[in-house]
Structure formats: C-alpha cells, structure tokens
Amino acid sequence: ALADFKQRFLLRNAEEGLQMDLGLMNIARGLQ
C-alpha cells in the first residue's frame, strides 16, 4: 500500500462526481 496509495488516493480528487456545495438545490436534497 505504501507504493501507490499516495498516487491512487491522496493526490487524486475523490470528490469527483460528488455535489459538495451548499446551493439551494443541494440544501433541498440534504433535507430529503
């Protein structure tokens, strides 16, 4: 795991494809 964890996770964007902002629509989804 020491050989590639940094490249495969630590230096990657694991938020890719996720909605992480708190706009109105996302707040609405959060309430659901």
PDB file of all heavy atoms in Angstrom:
ATOM      1  N   ALA A   1       0.819  -1.205   0.000  1.00  0.00           N
ATOM      2  CA  ALA A   1       0.000   0.000   0.000  1.00  0.00           C
ATOM      3  C   ALA A   1       0.855   1.259   0.000  1.00  0.00           C
ATOM      4  O   ALA A   1       0.444   2.306  -0.527  1.00  0.00           O
ATOM      5  CB  ALA A   1      -0.937   0.000   1.215  1.00  0.00           C
ATOM      6  N   LEU A   2       2.056   1.186   0.578  1.00  0.00           N
ATOM      7  CA  LEU A   2       2.929   2.360   0.614  1.00  0.00           C
ATOM      8  C   LEU A   2       3.383   2.770  -0.779  1.00  0.00           C
ATOM      9  O   LEU A   2       3.726   3.927  -1.015  1.00  0.00           O
ATOM     10  CB  LEU A   2       4.150   2.088   1.491  1.00  0.00           C
ATOM     11  CG  LEU A   2       3.931   2.048   3.011  1.00  0.00           C
ATOM     12  CD1 LEU A   2       5.259   1.883   3.727  1.00  0.00           C
ATOM     13  CD2 LEU A   2       3.232   3.308   3.492  1.00  0.00           C
ATOM     14  N   ALA A   3       3.393   1.813  -1.698  1.00  0.00           N
ATOM     15  CA  ALA A   3       3.933   2.086  -3.029  1.00  0.00           C
ATOM     16  C   ALA A   3       3.017   2.958  -3.875  1.00  0.00           C
ATOM     17  O   ALA A   3       3.496   3.748  -4.693  1.00  0.00           O
ATOM     18  CB  ALA A   3       4.226   0.772  -3.752  1.00  0.00           C
ATOM     19  N   ASP A   4       1.694   2.831  -3.695  1.00  0.00           N
ATOM     20  CA  ASP A   4       0.808   3.542  -4.632  1.00  0.00           C
ATOM     21  C   ASP A   4      -0.374   4.253  -3.993  1.00  0.00           C
ATOM     22  O   ASP A   4      -1.180   4.858  -4.701  1.00  0.00           O
ATOM     23  CB  ASP A   4       0.298   2.574  -5.704  1.00  0.00           C
ATOM     24  CG  ASP A   4      -0.519   1.417  -5.135  1.00  0.00           C
ATOM     25  OD1 ASP A   4      -0.756   1.384  -3.916  1.00  0.00           O
ATOM     26  OD2 ASP A   4      -0.924   0.538  -5.927  1.00  0.00           O
ATOM     27  N   PHE A   5      -0.525   4.214  -2.658  1.00  0.00           N
ATOM     28  CA  PHE A   5      -1.678   4.860  -2.046  1.00  0.00           C
ATOM     29  C   PHE A   5      -1.664   6.367  -2.269  1.00  0.00           C
ATOM     30  O   PHE A   5      -2.715   6.976  -2.492  1.00  0.00           O
ATOM     31  CB  PHE A   5      -1.736   4.568  -0.545  1.00  0.00           C
ATOM     32  CG  PHE A   5      -2.950   5.145   0.143  1.00  0.00           C
ATOM     33  CD1 PHE A   5      -4.199   4.586  -0.043  1.00  0.00           C
ATOM     34  CD2 PHE A   5      -2.827   6.248   0.966  1.00  0.00           C
ATOM     35  CE1 PHE A   5      -5.319   5.109   0.583  1.00  0.00           C
ATOM     36  CE2 PHE A   5      -3.946   6.791   1.604  1.00  0.00           C
ATOM     37  CZ  PHE A   5      -5.195   6.222   1.412  1.00  0.00           C
ATOM     38  N   LYS A   6      -0.490   6.960  -2.245  1.00  0.00           N
ATOM     39  CA  LYS A   6      -0.410   8.406  -2.458  1.00  0.00           C
ATOM     40  C   LYS A   6      -0.903   8.777  -3.856  1.00  0.00           C
ATOM     41  O   LYS A   6      -1.681   9.723  -4.025  1.00  0.00           O
ATOM     42  CB  LYS A   6       1.028   8.890  -2.249  1.00  0.00           C
ATOM     43  CG  LYS A   6       1.177  10.395  -2.418  1.00  0.00           C
ATOM     44  CD  LYS A   6       2.486  10.901  -1.843  1.00  0.00           C
ATOM     45  CE  LYS A   6       3.673  10.440  -2.639  1.00  0.00           C
ATOM     46  NZ  LYS A   6       4.928  11.094  -2.193  1.00  0.00           N
ATOM     47  N   GLN A   7      -0.478   8.011  -4.853  1.00  0.00           N
ATOM     48  CA  GLN A   7      -0.886   8.316  -6.230  1.00  0.00           C
ATOM     49  C   GLN A   7      -2.351   7.962  -6.474  1.00  0.00           C
ATOM     50  O   GLN A   7      -3.059   8.671  -7.196  1.00  0.00           O
ATOM     51  CB  GLN A   7       0.005   7.553  -7.223  1.00  0.00           C
ATOM     52  CG  GLN A   7       1.420   8.067  -7.334  1.00  0.00           C
ATOM     53  CD  GLN A   7       2.257   7.772  -6.095  1.00  0.00           C
ATOM     54  OE1 GLN A   7       2.031   6.757  -5.420  1.00  0.00           O
ATOM     55  NE2 GLN A   7       3.207   8.636  -5.789  1.00  0.00           N
ATOM     56  N   ARG A   8      -2.826   6.875  -5.879  1.00  0.00           N
ATOM     57  CA  ARG A   8      -4.176   6.390  -6.177  1.00  0.00           C
ATOM     58  C   ARG A   8      -5.256   7.098  -5.371  1.00  0.00           C
ATOM     59  O   ARG A   8      -6.418   7.105  -5.786  1.00  0.00           O
ATOM     60  CB  ARG A   8      -4.265   4.884  -5.936  1.00  0.00           C
ATOM     61  CG  ARG A   8      -3.365   4.065  -6.839  1.00  0.00           C
ATOM     62  CD  ARG A   8      -3.613   2.574  -6.694  1.00  0.00           C
ATOM     63  NE  ARG A   8      -4.893   2.173  -7.278  1.00  0.00           N
ATOM     64  CZ  ARG A   8      -5.312   0.917  -7.353  1.00  0.00           C
ATOM     65  NH1 ARG A   8      -4.545  -0.070  -6.888  1.00  0.00           N
ATOM     66  NH2 ARG A   8      -6.473   0.626  -7.887  1.00  0.00           N
ATOM     67  N   PHE A   9      -4.881   7.708  -4.235  1.00  0.00           N
ATOM     68  CA  PHE A   9      -5.902   8.377  -3.430  1.00  0.00           C
ATOM     69  C   PHE A   9      -5.492   9.768  -2.959  1.00  0.00           C
ATOM     70  O   PHE A   9      -6.188  10.752  -3.224  1.00  0.00           O
ATOM     71  CB  PHE A   9      -6.274   7.535  -2.217  1.00  0.00           C
ATOM     72  CG  PHE A   9      -7.346   8.176  -1.372  1.00  0.00           C
ATOM     73  CD1 PHE A   9      -8.676   8.132  -1.771  1.00  0.00           C
ATOM     74  CD2 PHE A   9      -7.031   8.847  -0.197  1.00  0.00           C
ATOM     75  CE1 PHE A   9      -9.664   8.751  -1.019  1.00  0.00           C
ATOM     76  CE2 PHE A   9      -8.004   9.462   0.571  1.00  0.00           C
ATOM     77  CZ  PHE A   9      -9.334   9.409   0.158  1.00  0.00           C
ATOM     78  N   LEU A  10      -4.352   9.873  -2.286  1.00  0.00           N
ATOM     79  CA  LEU A  10      -4.014  11.152  -1.650  1.00  0.00           C
ATOM     80  C   LEU A  10      -3.875  12.298  -2.640  1.00  0.00           C
ATOM     81  O   LEU A  10      -4.238  13.440  -2.331  1.00  0.00           O
ATOM     82  CB  LEU A  10      -2.715  10.993  -0.852  1.00  0.00           C
ATOM     83  CG  LEU A  10      -2.761  10.025   0.330  1.00  0.00           C
ATOM     84  CD1 LEU A  10      -1.401   9.953   1.008  1.00  0.00           C
ATOM     85  CD2 LEU A  10      -3.837  10.431   1.328  1.00  0.00           C
ATOM     86  N   LEU A  11      -3.360  12.007  -3.815  1.00  0.00           N
ATOM     87  CA  LEU A  11      -3.173  13.055  -4.827  1.00  0.00           C
ATOM     88  C   LEU A  11      -4.309  13.117  -5.835  1.00  0.00           C
ATOM     89  O   LEU A  11      -4.242  13.891  -6.799  1.00  0.00           O
ATOM     90  CB  LEU A  11      -1.840  12.838  -5.560  1.00  0.00           C
ATOM     91  CG  LEU A  11      -0.587  12.930  -4.682  1.00  0.00           C
ATOM     92  CD1 LEU A  11       0.662  12.625  -5.500  1.00  0.00           C
ATOM     93  CD2 LEU A  11      -0.477  14.310  -4.037  1.00  0.00           C
ATOM     94  N   ARG A  12      -5.341  12.338  -5.615  1.00  0.00           N
ATOM     95  CA  ARG A  12      -6.496  12.332  -6.507  1.00  0.00           C
ATOM     96  C   ARG A  12      -7.619  13.197  -5.950  1.00  0.00           C
ATOM     97  O   ARG A  12      -7.630  13.551  -4.765  1.00  0.00           O
ATOM     98  CB  ARG A  12      -7.005  10.895  -6.697  1.00  0.00           C
ATOM     99  CG  ARG A  12      -6.021   9.958  -7.360  1.00  0.00           C
ATOM    100  CD  ARG A  12      -5.818  10.305  -8.834  1.00  0.00           C
ATOM    101  NE  ARG A  12      -7.059  10.287  -9.566  1.00  0.00           N
ATOM    102  CZ  ARG A  12      -7.633   9.167 -10.056  1.00  0.00           C
ATOM    103  NH1 ARG A  12      -7.050   7.988  -9.867  1.00  0.00           N
ATOM    104  NH2 ARG A  12      -8.751   9.227 -10.729  1.00  0.00           N
ATOM    105  N   ASN A  13      -8.579  13.500  -6.786  1.00  0.00           N
ATOM    106  CA  ASN A  13      -9.766  14.246  -6.378  1.00  0.00           C
ATOM    107  C   ASN A  13     -10.891  13.255  -6.115  1.00  0.00           C
ATOM    108  O   ASN A  13     -11.622  12.861  -7.009  1.00  0.00           O
ATOM    109  CB  ASN A  13     -10.173  15.237  -7.463  1.00  0.00           C
ATOM    110  CG  ASN A  13     -11.476  15.970  -7.126  1.00  0.00           C
ATOM    111  OD1 ASN A  13     -11.911  15.970  -5.968  1.00  0.00           O
ATOM    112  ND2 ASN A  13     -12.081  16.595  -8.120  1.00  0.00           N
ATOM    113  N   ALA A  14     -11.026  12.838  -4.860  1.00  0.00           N
ATOM    114  CA  ALA A  14     -12.069  11.868  -4.508  1.00  0.00           C
ATOM    115  C   ALA A  14     -13.449  12.504  -4.446  1.00  0.00           C
ATOM    116  O   ALA A  14     -14.435  11.802  -4.219  1.00  0.00           O
ATOM    117  CB  ALA A  14     -11.741  11.206  -3.170  1.00  0.00           C
ATOM    118  N   GLU A  15     -13.521  13.818  -4.643  1.00  0.00           N
ATOM    119  CA  GLU A  15     -14.821  14.496  -4.719  1.00  0.00           C
ATOM    120  C   GLU A  15     -15.354  14.523  -6.148  1.00  0.00           C
ATOM    121  O   GLU A  15     -16.428  15.080  -6.401  1.00  0.00           O
ATOM    122  CB  GLU A  15     -14.696  15.917  -4.177  1.00  0.00           C
ATOM    123  CG  GLU A  15     -14.363  15.983  -2.703  1.00  0.00           C
ATOM    124  CD  GLU A  15     -14.241  17.409  -2.195  1.00  0.00           C
ATOM    125  OE1 GLU A  15     -14.619  18.336  -2.946  1.00  0.00           O
ATOM    126  OE2 GLU A  15     -13.770  17.599  -1.065  1.00  0.00           O
ATOM    127  N   GLU A  16     -14.624  13.916  -7.041  1.00  0.00           N
ATOM    128  CA  GLU A  16     -15.026  13.880  -8.450  1.00  0.00           C
ATOM    129  C   GLU A  16     -16.405  13.240  -8.592  1.00  0.00           C
ATOM    130  O   GLU A  16     -16.643  12.129  -8.125  1.00  0.00           O
ATOM    131  CB  GLU A  16     -13.993  13.078  -9.240  1.00  0.00           C
ATOM    132  CG  GLU A  16     -14.220  13.043 -10.737  1.00  0.00           C
ATOM    133  CD  GLU A  16     -13.143  12.229 -11.438  1.00  0.00           C
ATOM    134  OE1 GLU A  16     -12.324  11.593 -10.740  1.00  0.00           O
ATOM    135  OE2 GLU A  16     -13.134  12.235 -12.671  1.00  0.00           O
ATOM    136  N   GLY A  17     -17.320  13.962  -9.220  1.00  0.00           N
ATOM    137  CA  GLY A  17     -18.673  13.456  -9.410  1.00  0.00           C
ATOM    138  C   GLY A  17     -19.600  13.697  -8.239  1.00  0.00           C
ATOM    139  O   GLY A  17     -20.805  13.428  -8.336  1.00  0.00           O
ATOM    140  N   LEU A  18     -19.086  14.211  -7.127  1.00  0.00           N
ATOM    141  CA  LEU A  18     -19.919  14.487  -5.953  1.00  0.00           C
ATOM    142  C   LEU A  18     -20.378  15.940  -5.952  1.00  0.00           C
ATOM    143  O   LEU A  18     -19.707  16.817  -6.503  1.00  0.00           O
ATOM    144  CB  LEU A  18     -19.144  14.203  -4.665  1.00  0.00           C
ATOM    145  CG  LEU A  18     -18.660  12.772  -4.462  1.00  0.00           C
ATOM    146  CD1 LEU A  18     -17.831  12.670  -3.189  1.00  0.00           C
ATOM    147  CD2 LEU A  18     -19.838  11.808  -4.406  1.00  0.00           C
ATOM    148  N   GLN A  19     -21.510  16.183  -5.344  1.00  0.00           N
ATOM    149  CA  GLN A  19     -22.030  17.537  -5.157  1.00  0.00           C
ATOM    150  C   GLN A  19     -21.690  17.981  -3.743  1.00  0.00           C
ATOM    151  O   GLN A  19     -22.264  17.503  -2.776  1.00  0.00           O
ATOM    152  CB  GLN A  19     -23.549  17.561  -5.386  1.00  0.00           C
ATOM    153  CG  GLN A  19     -23.989  17.172  -6.780  1.00  0.00           C
ATOM    154  CD  GLN A  19     -23.537  18.190  -7.817  1.00  0.00           C
ATOM    155  OE1 GLN A  19     -23.523  19.398  -7.560  1.00  0.00           O
ATOM    156  NE2 GLN A  19     -23.161  17.704  -8.989  1.00  0.00           N
ATOM    157  N   MET A  20     -20.738  18.895  -3.607  1.00  0.00           N
ATOM    158  CA  MET A  20     -20.250  19.278  -2.291  1.00  0.00           C
ATOM    159  C   MET A  20     -20.548  20.732  -1.937  1.00  0.00           C
ATOM    160  O   MET A  20     -20.162  21.187  -0.863  1.00  0.00           O
ATOM    161  CB  MET A  20     -18.728  19.044  -2.212  1.00  0.00           C
ATOM    162  CG  MET A  20     -18.303  17.641  -2.621  1.00  0.00           C
ATOM    163  SD  MET A  20     -19.114  16.328  -1.687  1.00  0.00           S
ATOM    164  CE  MET A  20     -18.262  16.432  -0.130  1.00  0.00           C
ATOM    165  N   ASP A  21     -21.218  21.467  -2.801  1.00  0.00           N
ATOM    166  CA  ASP A  21     -21.541  22.853  -2.474  1.00  0.00           C
ATOM    167  C   ASP A  21     -22.898  22.922  -1.784  1.00  0.00           C
ATOM    168  O   ASP A  21     -23.676  21.964  -1.805  1.00  0.00           O
ATOM    169  CB  ASP A  21     -21.559  23.716  -3.736  1.00  0.00           C
ATOM    170  CG  ASP A  21     -22.731  23.367  -4.635  1.00  0.00           C
ATOM    171  OD1 ASP A  21     -22.630  22.335  -5.338  1.00  0.00           O
ATOM    172  OD2 ASP A  21     -23.744  24.091  -4.617  1.00  0.00           O
ATOM    173  N   LEU A  22     -23.190  24.053  -1.170  1.00  0.00           N
ATOM    174  CA  LEU A  22     -24.439  24.223  -0.432  1.00  0.00           C
ATOM    175  C   LEU A  22     -25.360  25.220  -1.122  1.00  0.00           C
ATOM    176  O   LEU A  22     -25.842  26.173  -0.518  1.00  0.00           O
ATOM    177  CB  LEU A  22     -24.143  24.662   1.003  1.00  0.00           C
ATOM    178  CG  LEU A  22     -23.523  23.571   1.888  1.00  0.00           C
ATOM    179  CD1 LEU A  22     -23.244  24.109   3.270  1.00  0.00           C
ATOM    180  CD2 LEU A  22     -24.438  22.366   1.966  1.00  0.00           C
ATOM    181  N   GLY A  23     -25.579  25.003  -2.429  1.00  0.00           N
ATOM    182  CA  GLY A  23     -26.574  25.787  -3.133  1.00  0.00           C
ATOM    183  C   GLY A  23     -27.981  25.385  -2.728  1.00  0.00           C
ATOM    184  O   GLY A  23     -28.196  24.416  -2.001  1.00  0.00           O
ATOM    185  N   LEU A  24     -28.969  26.122  -3.219  1.00  0.00           N
ATOM    186  CA  LEU A  24     -30.349  25.884  -2.800  1.00  0.00           C
ATOM    187  C   LEU A  24     -30.819  24.472  -3.136  1.00  0.00           C
ATOM    188  O   LEU A  24     -31.462  23.804  -2.324  1.00  0.00           O
ATOM    189  CB  LEU A  24     -31.275  26.899  -3.459  1.00  0.00           C
ATOM    190  CG  LEU A  24     -31.143  28.359  -2.968  1.00  0.00           C
ATOM    191  CD1 LEU A  24     -32.119  29.240  -3.720  1.00  0.00           C
ATOM    192  CD2 LEU A  24     -31.384  28.441  -1.476  1.00  0.00           C
ATOM    193  N   MET A  25     -30.485  24.004  -4.326  1.00  0.00           N
ATOM    194  CA  MET A  25     -30.945  22.684  -4.719  1.00  0.00           C
ATOM    195  C   MET A  25     -30.300  21.600  -3.862  1.00  0.00           C
ATOM    196  O   MET A  25     -30.951  20.618  -3.475  1.00  0.00           O
ATOM    197  CB  MET A  25     -30.633  22.430  -6.199  1.00  0.00           C
ATOM    198  CG  MET A  25     -31.234  21.138  -6.734  1.00  0.00           C
ATOM    199  SD  MET A  25     -33.045  21.122  -6.632  1.00  0.00           S
ATOM    200  CE  MET A  25     -33.443  22.314  -7.905  1.00  0.00           C
ATOM    201  N   ASN A  26     -29.030  21.776  -3.552  1.00  0.00           N
ATOM    202  CA  ASN A  26     -28.365  20.783  -2.719  1.00  0.00           C
ATOM    203  C   ASN A  26     -28.885  20.801  -1.287  1.00  0.00           C
ATOM    204  O   ASN A  26     -28.968  19.751  -0.639  1.00  0.00           O
ATOM    205  CB  ASN A  26     -26.852  21.002  -2.734  1.00  0.00           C
ATOM    206  CG  ASN A  26     -26.202  20.431  -3.982  1.00  0.00           C
ATOM    207  OD1 ASN A  26     -26.828  19.648  -4.709  1.00  0.00           O
ATOM    208  ND2 ASN A  26     -24.973  20.816  -4.252  1.00  0.00           N
ATOM    209  N   ILE A  27     -29.226  21.990  -0.791  1.00  0.00           N
ATOM    210  CA  ILE A  27     -29.841  22.056   0.537  1.00  0.00           C
ATOM    211  C   ILE A  27     -31.160  21.288   0.525  1.00  0.00           C
ATOM    212  O   ILE A  27     -31.492  20.551   1.460  1.00  0.00           O
ATOM    213  CB  ILE A  27     -30.082  23.511   0.966  1.00  0.00           C
ATOM    214  CG1 ILE A  27     -28.752  24.190   1.289  1.00  0.00           C
ATOM    215  CG2 ILE A  27     -30.996  23.567   2.175  1.00  0.00           C
ATOM    216  CD1 ILE A  27     -28.079  23.672   2.546  1.00  0.00           C
ATOM    217  N   ALA A  28     -31.910  21.439  -0.559  1.00  0.00           N
ATOM    218  CA  ALA A  28     -33.174  20.721  -0.659  1.00  0.00           C
ATOM    219  C   ALA A  28     -32.951  19.215  -0.658  1.00  0.00           C
ATOM    220  O   ALA A  28     -33.676  18.461   0.007  1.00  0.00           O
ATOM    221  CB  ALA A  28     -33.912  21.143  -1.936  1.00  0.00           C
ATOM    222  N   ARG A  29     -31.937  18.761  -1.394  1.00  0.00           N
ATOM    223  CA  ARG A  29     -31.626  17.328  -1.398  1.00  0.00           C
ATOM    224  C   ARG A  29     -31.173  16.877  -0.016  1.00  0.00           C
ATOM    225  O   ARG A  29     -31.496  15.775   0.426  1.00  0.00           O
ATOM    226  CB  ARG A  29     -30.544  17.035  -2.438  1.00  0.00           C
ATOM    227  CG  ARG A  29     -31.010  17.188  -3.880  1.00  0.00           C
ATOM    228  CD  ARG A  29     -29.864  16.941  -4.842  1.00  0.00           C
ATOM    229  NE  ARG A  29     -29.394  15.564  -4.769  1.00  0.00           N
ATOM    230  CZ  ARG A  29     -29.924  14.554  -5.457  1.00  0.00           C
ATOM    231  NH1 ARG A  29     -30.954  14.767  -6.255  1.00  0.00           N
ATOM    232  NH2 ARG A  29     -29.433  13.335  -5.348  1.00  0.00           N
ATOM    233  N   GLY A  30     -30.424  17.731   0.661  1.00  0.00           N
ATOM    234  CA  GLY A  30     -29.992  17.395   2.001  1.00  0.00           C
ATOM    235  C   GLY A  30     -31.160  17.219   2.952  1.00  0.00           C
ATOM    236  O   GLY A  30     -31.159  16.332   3.810  1.00  0.00           O
ATOM    237  N   LEU A  31     -32.195  18.044   2.796  1.00  0.00           N
ATOM    238  CA  LEU A  31     -33.375  17.927   3.643  1.00  0.00           C
ATOM    239  C   LEU A  31     -34.124  16.627   3.385  1.00  0.00           C
ATOM    240  O   LEU A  31     -34.841  16.123   4.254  1.00  0.00           O
ATOM    241  CB  LEU A  31     -34.316  19.115   3.403  1.00  0.00           C
ATOM    242  CG  LEU A  31     -33.817  20.490   3.892  1.00  0.00           C
ATOM    243  CD1 LEU A  31     -34.793  21.575   3.502  1.00  0.00           C
ATOM    244  CD2 LEU A  31     -33.599  20.476   5.397  1.00  0.00           C
ATOM    245  N   GLN A  32     -33.945  16.072   2.196  1.00  0.00           N
ATOM    246  CA  GLN A  32     -34.594  14.808   1.884  1.00  0.00           C
ATOM    247  C   GLN A  32     -33.790  13.591   2.341  1.00  0.00           C
ATOM    248  O   GLN A  32     -34.284  12.476   2.264  1.00  0.00           O
ATOM    249  CB  GLN A  32     -34.839  14.700   0.380  1.00  0.00           C
ATOM    250  CG  GLN A  32     -35.962  15.606  -0.123  1.00  0.00           C
ATOM    251  CD  GLN A  32     -36.279  15.315  -1.570  1.00  0.00           C
ATOM    252  OE1 GLN A  32     -35.436  15.499  -2.432  1.00  0.00           O
ATOM    253  NE2 GLN A  32     -37.471  14.825  -1.831  1.00  0.00           N
TER     254      GLN A  32
END
